[in-house]
Amino acid sequence: MDPIVLVIVVVVGTPIAVVFALAKSAQLRGPELRKESRRPVETLVTEAIPEEHPDDADADKGAS
């Protein structure tokens, strides 16, 4: 190989290899992909925060 061609390959190939290596490293260190729940948001919210109804509180006081 001619020295000029070798220099051109090194000057162009090195940055491309570095960018590829950085991209692969970031992909490997990134968060793992997890399956998303397909449940509606309403069911998730009502399970986490139960609703309090004023009728229930009155019924409990009246039963005592």
PDB file of N, CA and C in Angstrom:
ATOM      1  N   MET A   1       0.842  -1.188   0.000  1.00  0.00           N
ATOM      2  CA  MET A   1       0.000   0.000   0.000  1.00  0.00           C
ATOM      3  C   MET A   1       0.877   1.238   0.000  1.00  0.00           C
ATOM      4  N   ASP A   2       0.376   2.215  -0.694  1.00  0.00           N
ATOM      5  CA  ASP A   2       1.086   3.495  -0.683  1.00  0.00           C
ATOM      6  C   ASP A   2       0.912   4.157   0.678  1.00  0.00           C
ATOM      7  N   PRO A   3       1.882   4.905   1.122  1.00  0.00           N
ATOM      8  CA  PRO A   3       1.752   5.598   2.407  1.00  0.00           C
ATOM      9  C   PRO A   3       0.594   6.595   2.436  1.00  0.00           C
ATOM     10  N   ILE A   4       0.315   7.217   1.301  1.00  0.00           N
ATOM     11  CA  ILE A   4      -0.773   8.206   1.254  1.00  0.00           C
ATOM     12  C   ILE A   4      -2.120   7.500   1.448  1.00  0.00           C
ATOM     13  N   VAL A   5      -2.310   6.373   0.799  1.00  0.00           N
ATOM     14  CA  VAL A   5      -3.558   5.620   0.933  1.00  0.00           C
ATOM     15  C   VAL A   5      -3.696   5.121   2.369  1.00  0.00           C
ATOM     16  N   LEU A   6      -2.622   4.671   2.948  1.00  0.00           N
ATOM     17  CA  LEU A   6      -2.648   4.200   4.329  1.00  0.00           C
ATOM     18  C   LEU A   6      -3.032   5.324   5.294  1.00  0.00           C
ATOM     19  N   VAL A   7      -2.489   6.504   5.084  1.00  0.00           N
ATOM     20  CA  VAL A   7      -2.827   7.656   5.931  1.00  0.00           C
ATOM     21  C   VAL A   7      -4.297   8.020   5.764  1.00  0.00           C
ATOM     22  N   ILE A   8      -4.792   8.008   4.540  1.00  0.00           N
ATOM     23  CA  ILE A   8      -6.203   8.348   4.296  1.00  0.00           C
ATOM     24  C   ILE A   8      -7.111   7.321   4.980  1.00  0.00           C
ATOM     25  N   VAL A   9      -6.763   6.039   4.883  1.00  0.00           N
ATOM     26  CA  VAL A   9      -7.579   4.998   5.518  1.00  0.00           C
ATOM     27  C   VAL A   9      -7.563   5.170   7.031  1.00  0.00           C
ATOM     28  N   VAL A  10      -6.413   5.484   7.595  1.00  0.00           N
ATOM     29  CA  VAL A  10      -6.321   5.662   9.044  1.00  0.00           C
ATOM     30  C   VAL A  10      -7.078   6.906   9.481  1.00  0.00           C
ATOM     31  N   VAL A  11      -6.942   7.995   8.729  1.00  0.00           N
ATOM     32  CA  VAL A  11      -7.598   9.256   9.100  1.00  0.00           C
ATOM     33  C   VAL A  11      -9.112   9.135   8.996  1.00  0.00           C
ATOM     34  N   VAL A  12      -9.608   8.399   8.028  1.00  0.00           N
ATOM     35  CA  VAL A  12     -11.059   8.242   7.860  1.00  0.00           C
ATOM     36  C   VAL A  12     -11.570   7.083   8.704  1.00  0.00           C
ATOM     37  N   GLY A  13     -10.844   5.995   8.773  1.00  0.00           N
ATOM     38  CA  GLY A  13     -11.314   4.793   9.453  1.00  0.00           C
ATOM     39  C   GLY A  13     -11.308   4.902  10.971  1.00  0.00           C
ATOM     40  N   THR A  14     -10.339   5.603  11.528  1.00  0.00           N
ATOM     41  CA  THR A  14     -10.246   5.711  12.982  1.00  0.00           C
ATOM     42  C   THR A  14     -11.452   6.433  13.595  1.00  0.00           C
ATOM     43  N   PRO A  15     -11.818   7.604  13.106  1.00  0.00           N
ATOM     44  CA  PRO A  15     -13.014   8.242  13.699  1.00  0.00           C
ATOM     45  C   PRO A  15     -14.287   7.413  13.538  1.00  0.00           C
ATOM     46  N   ILE A  16     -14.432   6.737  12.405  1.00  0.00           N
ATOM     47  CA  ILE A  16     -15.617   5.900  12.199  1.00  0.00           C
ATOM     48  C   ILE A  16     -15.618   4.745  13.205  1.00  0.00           C
ATOM     49  N   ALA A  17     -14.458   4.136  13.418  1.00  0.00           N
ATOM     50  CA  ALA A  17     -14.361   3.037  14.380  1.00  0.00           C
ATOM     51  C   ALA A  17     -14.630   3.530  15.800  1.00  0.00           C
ATOM     52  N   VAL A  18     -14.153   4.722  16.131  1.00  0.00           N
ATOM     53  CA  VAL A  18     -14.371   5.272  17.475  1.00  0.00           C
ATOM     54  C   VAL A  18     -15.857   5.559  17.700  1.00  0.00           C
ATOM     55  N   VAL A  19     -16.498   6.161  16.720  1.00  0.00           N
ATOM     56  CA  VAL A  19     -17.931   6.465  16.850  1.00  0.00           C
ATOM     57  C   VAL A  19     -18.728   5.167  16.967  1.00  0.00           C
ATOM     58  N   PHE A  20     -18.392   4.177  16.179  1.00  0.00           N
ATOM     59  CA  PHE A  20     -19.088   2.890  16.259  1.00  0.00           C
ATOM     60  C   PHE A  20     -18.895   2.255  17.634  1.00  0.00           C
ATOM     61  N   ALA A  21     -17.672   2.298  18.142  1.00  0.00           N
ATOM     62  CA  ALA A  21     -17.402   1.704  19.455  1.00  0.00           C
ATOM     63  C   ALA A  21     -18.151   2.442  20.561  1.00  0.00           C
ATOM     64  N   LEU A  22     -18.215   3.760  20.498  1.00  0.00           N
ATOM     65  CA  LEU A  22     -18.953   4.528  21.505  1.00  0.00           C
ATOM     66  C   LEU A  22     -20.450   4.239  21.442  1.00  0.00           C
ATOM     67  N   ALA A  23     -20.975   4.127  20.235  1.00  0.00           N
ATOM     68  CA  ALA A  23     -22.402   3.827  20.083  1.00  0.00           C
ATOM     69  C   ALA A  23     -22.726   2.441  20.641  1.00  0.00           C
ATOM     70  N   LYS A  24     -21.877   1.480  20.376  1.00  0.00           N
ATOM     71  CA  LYS A  24     -22.101   0.123  20.879  1.00  0.00           C
ATOM     72  C   LYS A  24     -21.987   0.090  22.399  1.00  0.00           C
ATOM     73  N   SER A  25     -21.032   0.825  22.946  1.00  0.00           N
ATOM     74  CA  SER A  25     -20.860   0.877  24.392  1.00  0.00           C
ATOM     75  C   SER A  25     -22.085   1.501  25.066  1.00  0.00           C
ATOM     76  N   ALA A  26     -22.600   2.584  24.491  1.00  0.00           N
ATOM     77  CA  ALA A  26     -23.791   3.234  25.055  1.00  0.00           C
ATOM     78  C   ALA A  26     -24.995   2.311  24.979  1.00  0.00           C
ATOM     79  N   GLN A  27     -25.084   1.541  23.915  1.00  0.00           N
ATOM     80  CA  GLN A  27     -26.205   0.610  23.772  1.00  0.00           C
ATOM     81  C   GLN A  27     -26.118  -0.492  24.824  1.00  0.00           C
ATOM     82  N   LEU A  28     -24.932  -0.968  25.104  1.00  0.00           N
ATOM     83  CA  LEU A  28     -24.780  -2.031  26.088  1.00  0.00           C
ATOM     84  C   LEU A  28     -25.003  -1.536  27.504  1.00  0.00           C
ATOM     85  N   ARG A  29     -24.663  -0.286  27.785  1.00  0.00           N
ATOM     86  CA  ARG A  29     -24.822   0.240  29.140  1.00  0.00           C
ATOM     87  C   ARG A  29     -26.210   0.781  29.402  1.00  0.00           C
ATOM     88  N   GLY A  30     -27.021   0.945  28.376  1.00  0.00           N
ATOM     89  CA  GLY A  30     -28.342   1.533  28.523  1.00  0.00           C
ATOM     90  C   GLY A  30     -29.264   0.656  29.346  1.00  0.00           C
ATOM     91  N   PRO A  31     -30.433   1.204  29.697  1.00  0.00           N
ATOM     92  CA  PRO A  31     -31.389   0.432  30.495  1.00  0.00           C
ATOM     93  C   PRO A  31     -31.929  -0.748  29.694  1.00  0.00           C
ATOM     94  N   GLU A  32     -32.242  -1.813  30.396  1.00  0.00           N
ATOM     95  CA  GLU A  32     -32.802  -2.979  29.735  1.00  0.00           C
ATOM     96  C   GLU A  32     -34.220  -2.673  29.285  1.00  0.00           C
ATOM     97  N   LEU A  33     -34.564  -3.200  28.143  1.00  0.00           N
ATOM     98  CA  LEU A  33     -35.916  -3.010  27.650  1.00  0.00           C
ATOM     99  C   LEU A  33     -36.848  -3.940  28.405  1.00  0.00           C
ATOM    100  N   ARG A  34     -37.917  -3.395  28.900  1.00  0.00           N
ATOM    101  CA  ARG A  34     -38.902  -4.187  29.643  1.00  0.00           C
ATOM    102  C   ARG A  34     -40.235  -4.114  28.922  1.00  0.00           C
ATOM    103  N   LYS A  35     -41.006  -5.160  29.082  1.00  0.00           N
ATOM    104  CA  LYS A  35     -42.318  -5.160  28.473  1.00  0.00           C
ATOM    105  C   LYS A  35     -43.196  -4.126  29.167  1.00  0.00           C
ATOM    106  N   GLU A  36     -43.892  -3.352  28.382  1.00  0.00           N
ATOM    107  CA  GLU A  36     -44.796  -2.346  28.943  1.00  0.00           C
ATOM    108  C   GLU A  36     -46.151  -2.991  29.204  1.00  0.00           C
ATOM    109  N   SER A  37     -46.764  -2.553  30.266  1.00  0.00           N
ATOM    110  CA  SER A  37     -48.086  -3.039  30.582  1.00  0.00           C
ATOM    111  C   SER A  37     -49.081  -2.440  29.597  1.00  0.00           C
ATOM    112  N   ARG A  38     -49.969  -3.264  29.086  1.00  0.00           N
ATOM    113  CA  ARG A  38     -50.993  -2.794  28.148  1.00  0.00           C
ATOM    114  C   ARG A  38     -52.314  -2.527  28.859  1.00  0.00           C
ATOM    115  N   ARG A  39     -52.288  -2.545  30.206  1.00  0.00           N
ATOM    116  CA  ARG A  39     -53.505  -2.286  30.963  1.00  0.00           C
ATOM    117  C   ARG A  39     -53.869  -0.816  30.850  1.00  0.00           C
ATOM    118  N   PRO A  40     -55.153  -0.496  30.859  1.00  0.00           N
ATOM    119  CA  PRO A  40     -55.560   0.901  30.833  1.00  0.00           C
ATOM    120  C   PRO A  40     -55.060   1.636  32.073  1.00  0.00           C
ATOM    121  N   VAL A  41     -54.842   2.913  31.940  1.00  0.00           N
ATOM    122  CA  VAL A  41     -54.322   3.706  33.046  1.00  0.00           C
ATOM    123  C   VAL A  41     -55.306   3.734  34.210  1.00  0.00           C
ATOM    124  N   GLU A  42     -56.586   3.717  33.922  1.00  0.00           N
ATOM    125  CA  GLU A  42     -57.593   3.776  34.996  1.00  0.00           C
ATOM    126  C   GLU A  42     -57.407   2.643  35.994  1.00  0.00           C
ATOM    127  N   THR A  43     -57.183   1.427  35.520  1.00  0.00           N
ATOM    128  CA  THR A  43     -57.049   0.306  36.442  1.00  0.00           C
ATOM    129  C   THR A  43     -55.777   0.426  37.258  1.00  0.00           C
ATOM    130  N   LEU A  44     -54.724   0.953  36.675  1.00  0.00           N
ATOM    131  CA  LEU A  44     -53.486   1.123  37.421  1.00  0.00           C
ATOM    132  C   LEU A  44     -53.658   2.156  38.528  1.00  0.00           C
ATOM    133  N   VAL A  45     -54.361   3.244  38.240  1.00  0.00           N
ATOM    134  CA  VAL A  45     -54.536   4.310  39.227  1.00  0.00           C
ATOM    135  C   VAL A  45     -55.472   3.875  40.331  1.00  0.00           C
ATOM    136  N   THR A  46     -56.571   3.211  39.999  1.00  0.00           N
ATOM    137  CA  THR A  46     -57.526   2.838  41.040  1.00  0.00           C
ATOM    138  C   THR A  46     -56.953   1.759  41.945  1.00  0.00           C
ATOM    139  N   GLU A  47     -56.040   0.941  41.449  1.00  0.00           N
ATOM    140  CA  GLU A  47     -55.429  -0.054  42.315  1.00  0.00           C
ATOM    141  C   GLU A  47     -54.418   0.594  43.254  1.00  0.00           C
ATOM    142  N   ALA A  48     -53.710   1.586  42.791  1.00  0.00           N
ATOM    143  CA  ALA A  48     -52.682   2.220  43.613  1.00  0.00           C
ATOM    144  C   ALA A  48     -53.307   3.162  44.643  1.00  0.00           C
ATOM    145  N   ILE A  49     -54.352   3.881  44.270  1.00  0.00           N
ATOM    146  CA  ILE A  49     -54.990   4.847  45.157  1.00  0.00           C
ATOM    147  C   ILE A  49     -56.474   4.500  45.229  1.00  0.00           C
ATOM    148  N   PRO A  50     -56.889   3.759  46.236  1.00  0.00           N
ATOM    149  CA  PRO A  50     -58.303   3.401  46.326  1.00  0.00           C
ATOM    150  C   PRO A  50     -59.152   4.649  46.572  1.00  0.00           C
ATOM    151  N   GLU A  51     -60.291   4.665  45.944  1.00  0.00           N
ATOM    152  CA  GLU A  51     -61.183   5.814  46.092  1.00  0.00           C
ATOM    153  C   GLU A  51     -61.956   5.709  47.399  1.00  0.00           C
ATOM    154  N   GLU A  52     -62.141   6.853  48.051  1.00  0.00           N
ATOM    155  CA  GLU A  52     -62.958   6.897  49.256  1.00  0.00           C
ATOM    156  C   GLU A  52     -64.265   7.614  48.908  1.00  0.00           C
ATOM    157  N   HIS A  53     -65.347   6.969  49.215  1.00  0.00           N
ATOM    158  CA  HIS A  53     -66.652   7.558  48.929  1.00  0.00           C
ATOM    159  C   HIS A  53     -67.254   8.075  50.232  1.00  0.00           C
ATOM    160  N   PRO A  54     -67.851   9.254  50.226  1.00  0.00           N
ATOM    161  CA  PRO A  54     -68.451   9.791  51.449  1.00  0.00           C
ATOM    162  C   PRO A  54     -69.583   8.899  51.968  1.00  0.00           C
ATOM    163  N   ASP A  55     -70.278   8.197  51.108  1.00  0.00           N
ATOM    164  CA  ASP A  55     -71.366   7.319  51.541  1.00  0.00           C
ATOM    165  C   ASP A  55     -70.834   6.204  52.441  1.00  0.00           C
ATOM    166  N   ASP A  56     -69.654   5.681  52.136  1.00  0.00           N
ATOM    167  CA  ASP A  56     -69.063   4.609  52.943  1.00  0.00           C
ATOM    168  C   ASP A  56     -68.749   5.110  54.346  1.00  0.00           C
ATOM    169  N   ALA A  57     -68.240   6.327  54.466  1.00  0.00           N
ATOM    170  CA  ALA A  57     -67.898   6.873  55.778  1.00  0.00           C
ATOM    171  C   ALA A  57     -69.151   7.091  56.627  1.00  0.00           C
ATOM    172  N   ASP A  58     -70.217   7.560  55.965  1.00  0.00           N
ATOM    173  CA  ASP A  58     -71.483   7.768  56.699  1.00  0.00           C
ATOM    174  C   ASP A  58     -72.078   6.436  57.148  1.00  0.00           C
ATOM    175  N   ALA A  59     -71.962   5.425  56.328  1.00  0.00           N
ATOM    176  CA  ALA A  59     -72.521   4.106  56.675  1.00  0.00           C
ATOM    177  C   ALA A  59     -71.772   3.519  57.859  1.00  0.00           C
ATOM    178  N   ASP A  60     -70.451   3.738  57.908  1.00  0.00           N
ATOM    179  CA  ASP A  60     -69.669   3.213  59.039  1.00  0.00           C
ATOM    180  C   ASP A  60     -70.045   3.930  60.341  1.00  0.00           C
ATOM    181  N   LYS A  61     -70.272   5.223  60.299  1.00  0.00           N
ATOM    182  CA  LYS A  61     -70.610   5.983  61.504  1.00  0.00           C
ATOM    183  C   LYS A  61     -72.003   5.603  62.003  1.00  0.00           C
ATOM    184  N   GLY A  62     -72.930   5.369  61.075  1.00  0.00           N
ATOM    185  CA  GLY A  62     -74.287   5.032  61.447  1.00  0.00           C
ATOM    186  C   GLY A  62     -74.400   3.644  62.029  1.00  0.00           C
ATOM    187  N   ALA A  63     -73.513   2.731  61.658  1.00  0.00           N
ATOM    188  CA  ALA A  63     -73.576   1.364  62.140  1.00  0.00           C
ATOM    189  C   ALA A  63     -73.083   1.236  63.571  1.00  0.00           C
ATOM    190  N   SER A  64     -72.316   2.192  64.065  1.00  0.00           N
ATOM    191  CA  SER A  64     -71.748   2.098  65.417  1.00  0.00           C
ATOM    192  C   SER A  64     -72.775   2.339  66.478  1.00  0.00           C
TER     193      SER A  64
END
